[in-house]
C-alpha atoms as a PDB file:
ATOM      1  CA  MET A   1      13.750  29.749 -27.404  1.00  0.00           C
ATOM      2  CA  ALA A   2      11.653  32.148 -25.092  1.00  0.00           C
ATOM      3  CA  THR A   3      11.998  30.030 -21.619  1.00  0.00           C
ATOM      4  CA  ASP A   4      15.768  29.584 -22.493  1.00  0.00           C
ATOM      5  CA  ASN A   5      15.582  33.551 -21.849  1.00  0.00           C
ATOM      6  CA  GLY A   6      13.356  33.625 -19.204  1.00  0.00           C
ATOM      7  CA  PHE A   7      10.264  35.174 -20.928  1.00  0.00           C
ATOM      8  CA  THR A   8       7.189  33.707 -21.908  1.00  0.00           C
ATOM      9  CA  ILE A   9       5.033  34.576 -25.502  1.00  0.00           C
ATOM     10  CA  SER A  10       1.822  34.888 -24.342  1.00  0.00           C
ATOM     11  CA  GLU A  11      -0.076  35.648 -27.575  1.00  0.00           C
ATOM     12  CA  ILE A  12       1.567  35.698 -31.332  1.00  0.00           C
ATOM     13  CA  GLU A  13      -0.339  36.444 -34.569  1.00  0.00           C
ATOM     14  CA  SER A  14       0.833  38.117 -37.988  1.00  0.00           C
ATOM     15  CA  ASP A  15      -1.206  40.832 -39.923  1.00  0.00           C
ATOM     16  CA  GLY A  16       0.519  40.194 -43.386  1.00  0.00           C
ATOM     17  CA  ASP A  17       3.980  42.336 -42.920  1.00  0.00           C
ATOM     18  CA  HIS A  18       4.316  42.343 -38.963  1.00  0.00           C
ATOM     19  CA  VAL A  19       3.913  40.215 -35.748  1.00  0.00           C
ATOM     20  CA  HIS A  20       1.714  41.136 -32.605  1.00  0.00           C
ATOM     21  CA  LEU A  21       3.396  39.498 -29.542  1.00  0.00           C
ATOM     22  CA  LEU A  22       2.383  39.656 -25.950  1.00  0.00           C
ATOM     23  CA  ILE A  23       5.359  38.682 -23.974  1.00  0.00           C
ATOM     24  CA  ASP A  24       5.662  37.859 -20.450  1.00  0.00           C
ATOM     25  CA  CYS A  25       8.997  39.011 -18.664  1.00  0.00           C
ATOM     26  CA  ASN A  26      10.361  40.478 -15.499  1.00  0.00           C
ATOM     27  CA  PRO A  27      10.952  44.267 -15.223  1.00  0.00           C
ATOM     28  CA  GLN A  28      14.799  43.393 -15.332  1.00  0.00           C
ATOM     29  CA  HIS A  29      14.567  42.303 -18.740  1.00  0.00           C
ATOM     30  CA  SER A  30      16.130  44.095 -21.354  1.00  0.00           C
ATOM     31  CA  ILE A  31      13.473  44.589 -24.022  1.00  0.00           C
ATOM     32  CA  PRO A  32      16.257  45.167 -26.795  1.00  0.00           C
ATOM     33  CA  ASN A  33      17.775  41.952 -26.009  1.00  0.00           C
ATOM     34  CA  ILE A  34      14.343  40.066 -26.120  1.00  0.00           C
ATOM     35  CA  ILE A  35      13.430  41.463 -29.483  1.00  0.00           C
ATOM     36  CA  LYS A  36      17.299  40.636 -30.572  1.00  0.00           C
ATOM     37  CA  ALA A  37      17.019  37.292 -29.919  1.00  0.00           C
ATOM     38  CA  LEU A  38      13.367  37.160 -31.164  1.00  0.00           C
ATOM     39  CA  LYS A  39      14.495  38.289 -34.732  1.00  0.00           C
ATOM     40  CA  GLY A  40      17.799  36.532 -34.898  1.00  0.00           C
ATOM     41  CA  VAL A  41      16.634  32.977 -33.889  1.00  0.00           C
ATOM     42  CA  SER A  42      13.352  33.369 -36.035  1.00  0.00           C
ATOM     43  CA  ALA A  43      15.294  34.374 -39.230  1.00  0.00           C
ATOM     44  CA  ARG A  44      17.831  32.026 -38.572  1.00  0.00           C
ATOM     45  CA  LEU A  45      15.161  29.261 -38.881  1.00  0.00           C
ATOM     46  CA  LEU A  46      13.524  30.952 -41.690  1.00  0.00           C
ATOM     47  CA  PHE A  47      16.793  31.304 -43.570  1.00  0.00           C
ATOM     48  CA  LYS A  48      17.730  27.438 -42.671  1.00  0.00           C
ATOM     49  CA  GLU A  49      14.287  26.208 -44.092  1.00  0.00           C
ATOM     50  CA  PHE A  50      14.076  28.387 -47.057  1.00  0.00           C
ATOM     51  CA  PRO A  51      17.240  29.396 -48.455  1.00  0.00           C
ATOM     52  CA  GLN A  52      15.793  30.917 -51.379  1.00  0.00           C
ATOM     53  CA  LEU A  53      14.617  34.190 -49.259  1.00  0.00           C
ATOM     54  CA  LYS A  54      17.833  35.545 -48.440  1.00  0.00           C
ATOM     55  CA  LYS A  55      18.163  36.054 -52.413  1.00  0.00           C
ATOM     56  CA  LYS A  56      14.866  37.647 -52.675  1.00  0.00           C
ATOM     57  CA  LEU A  57      14.945  39.610 -49.690  1.00  0.00           C
ATOM     58  CA  TRP A  58      16.870  43.682 -50.155  1.00  0.00           C
ATOM     59  CA  GLY A  59      20.050  43.337 -48.326  1.00  0.00           C
ATOM     60  CA  GLY A  60      19.133  39.611 -47.325  1.00  0.00           C
ATOM     61  CA  ASN A  61      17.662  41.030 -43.899  1.00  0.00           C
ATOM     62  CA  ILE A  62      14.205  39.677 -43.121  1.00  0.00           C
ATOM     63  CA  TRP A  63      13.305  41.820 -40.026  1.00  0.00           C
ATOM     64  CA  ASN A  64      12.928  45.601 -40.230  1.00  0.00           C
ATOM     65  CA  PRO A  65      15.233  46.851 -37.182  1.00  0.00           C
ATOM     66  CA  SER A  66      12.386  48.771 -35.555  1.00  0.00           C
ATOM     67  CA  TYR A  67       9.884  47.865 -33.301  1.00  0.00           C
ATOM     68  CA  PHE A  68       7.296  48.913 -31.047  1.00  0.00           C
ATOM     69  CA  VAL A  69       6.818  48.090 -27.478  1.00  0.00           C
ATOM     70  CA  ALA A  70       4.108  49.167 -24.755  1.00  0.00           C
ATOM     71  CA  THR A  71       3.513  48.048 -20.970  1.00  0.00           C
ATOM     72  CA  VAL A  72       0.148  46.592 -20.173  1.00  0.00           C
ATOM     73  CA  ARG A  73      -1.481  46.867 -17.084  1.00  0.00           C
ATOM     74  CA  GLU A  74      -3.187  43.457 -15.856  1.00  0.00           C
ATOM     75  CA  HIS A  75      -6.447  44.675 -16.386  1.00  0.00           C
ATOM     76  CA  MET A  76      -5.768  45.730 -20.264  1.00  0.00           C
ATOM     77  CA  GLU A  77      -4.572  42.562 -20.689  1.00  0.00           C
ATOM     78  CA  ALA A  78      -7.567  40.655 -21.957  1.00  0.00           C
ATOM     79  CA  GLN A  79      -8.294  43.625 -24.246  1.00  0.00           C
ATOM     80  CA  LEU A  80      -4.833  43.237 -25.713  1.00  0.00           C
ATOM     81  CA  ARG A  81      -4.939  39.404 -26.214  1.00  0.00           C
ATOM     82  CA  GLN A  82      -8.337  39.598 -28.170  1.00  0.00           C
ATOM     83  CA  TYR A  83      -6.880  42.582 -30.454  1.00  0.00           C
ATOM     84  CA  ILE A  84      -3.806  40.239 -30.927  1.00  0.00           C
ATOM     85  CA  GLN A  85      -6.046  37.288 -31.798  1.00  0.00           C
ATOM     86  CA  ASN A  86      -7.877  39.350 -34.431  1.00  0.00           C
ATOM     87  CA  GLN A  87      -4.896  40.139 -36.333  1.00  0.00           C
ATOM     88  CA  LYS A  88      -4.771  37.065 -38.315  1.00  0.00           C
ATOM     89  CA  VAL A  89      -4.248  37.492 -41.964  1.00  0.00           C
ATOM     90  CA  ARG A  90      -7.524  36.570 -43.826  1.00  0.00           C
END
Protein backbone atom coordinates (compact mmCIF):
# COMPACT_ATOMS: atom_id res chain seq x y z
CA MET A 1 0.00 0.00 0.00
CA ALA A 2 2.76 2.47 0.90
CA THR A 3 4.74 1.88 -2.28
CA ASP A 4 1.56 2.17 -4.34
CA ASN A 5 1.14 5.65 -2.86
CA GLY A 6 4.80 6.69 -3.28
CA PHE A 7 6.02 6.58 0.32
CA THR A 8 7.95 4.11 2.47
CA ILE A 9 7.37 3.02 6.06
CA SER A 10 10.94 2.88 7.42
CA GLU A 11 10.05 2.00 11.02
CA ILE A 12 6.85 0.96 12.76
CA GLU A 13 6.07 -0.06 16.32
CA SER A 14 3.09 0.12 18.63
CA ASP A 15 2.89 1.22 22.24
CA GLY A 16 -0.37 -0.24 23.47
CA ASP A 17 -2.87 2.30 22.21
CA HIS A 18 -0.97 4.09 19.46
CA VAL A 19 1.47 3.49 16.61
CA HIS A 20 4.81 5.16 15.90
CA LEU A 21 5.86 5.40 12.25
CA LEU A 22 8.88 6.76 10.44
CA ILE A 23 7.79 7.48 6.90
CA ASP A 24 9.97 8.51 3.96
CA CYS A 25 8.13 10.65 1.44
CA ASN A 26 8.72 13.53 -0.93
CA PRO A 27 7.90 17.06 0.21
CA GLN A 28 5.13 17.10 -2.42
CA HIS A 29 3.18 14.38 -0.60
CA SER A 30 0.09 15.38 1.31
CA ILE A 31 0.55 14.21 4.90
CA PRO A 32 -3.22 14.07 5.57
CA ASN A 33 -3.63 11.83 2.52
CA ILE A 34 -0.88 9.49 3.72
CA ILE A 35 -2.48 9.23 7.16
CA LYS A 36 -5.93 8.71 5.64
CA ALA A 37 -4.59 5.89 3.45
CA LEU A 38 -2.76 4.20 6.34
CA LYS A 39 -5.74 4.36 8.68
CA GLY A 40 -8.26 3.36 6.00
CA VAL A 41 -6.41 0.35 4.65
CA SER A 42 -5.41 -0.95 8.09
CA ALA A 43 -8.98 -0.59 9.42
CA ARG A 44 -10.43 -2.46 6.43
CA LEU A 45 -7.90 -5.29 6.84
CA LEU A 46 -8.53 -5.57 10.58
CA PHE A 47 -12.33 -5.54 10.20
CA LYS A 48 -12.09 -8.14 7.44
CA GLU A 49 -10.03 -10.49 9.61
CA PHE A 50 -11.79 -9.67 12.90
CA PRO A 51 -15.38 -8.62 12.08
CA GLN A 52 -16.34 -8.75 15.77
CA LEU A 53 -14.15 -5.67 16.37
CA LYS A 54 -16.70 -3.36 14.79
CA LYS A 55 -19.33 -4.32 17.39
CA LYS A 56 -16.92 -3.81 20.29
CA LEU A 57 -15.70 -0.37 19.24
CA TRP A 58 -17.56 2.81 20.08
CA GLY A 59 -19.00 4.07 16.81
CA GLY A 60 -17.33 1.27 14.88
CA ASN A 61 -14.13 3.31 14.42
CA ILE A 62 -10.77 1.73 15.07
CA TRP A 63 -8.71 4.92 14.72
CA ASN A 64 -8.94 8.23 16.48
CA PRO A 65 -9.09 11.04 13.89
CA SER A 66 -6.07 12.82 15.39
CA TYR A 67 -2.39 12.29 14.67
CA PHE A 68 0.97 13.95 15.30
CA VAL A 69 3.50 14.65 12.54
CA ALA A 70 7.01 16.07 12.75
CA THR A 71 9.71 16.42 10.14
CA VAL A 72 13.09 14.88 10.85
CA ARG A 73 16.51 16.11 9.84
CA GLU A 74 18.96 13.51 8.59
CA HIS A 75 21.23 13.77 11.65
CA MET A 76 18.23 13.02 13.93
CA GLU A 77 16.94 10.01 11.98
CA ALA A 78 19.02 7.40 13.85
CA GLN A 79 17.77 8.70 17.22
CA LEU A 80 14.17 8.61 16.04
CA ARG A 81 14.57 5.07 14.68
CA GLN A 82 15.92 3.95 18.07
CA TYR A 83 13.03 5.66 19.88
CA ILE A 84 10.44 3.92 17.67
CA GLN A 85 12.13 0.53 18.07
CA ASN A 86 11.98 0.96 21.86
CA GLN A 87 8.18 1.45 21.85
CA LYS A 88 7.38 -2.27 21.79
CA VAL A 89 4.63 -3.28 24.16
CA ARG A 90 6.27 -5.20 26.96
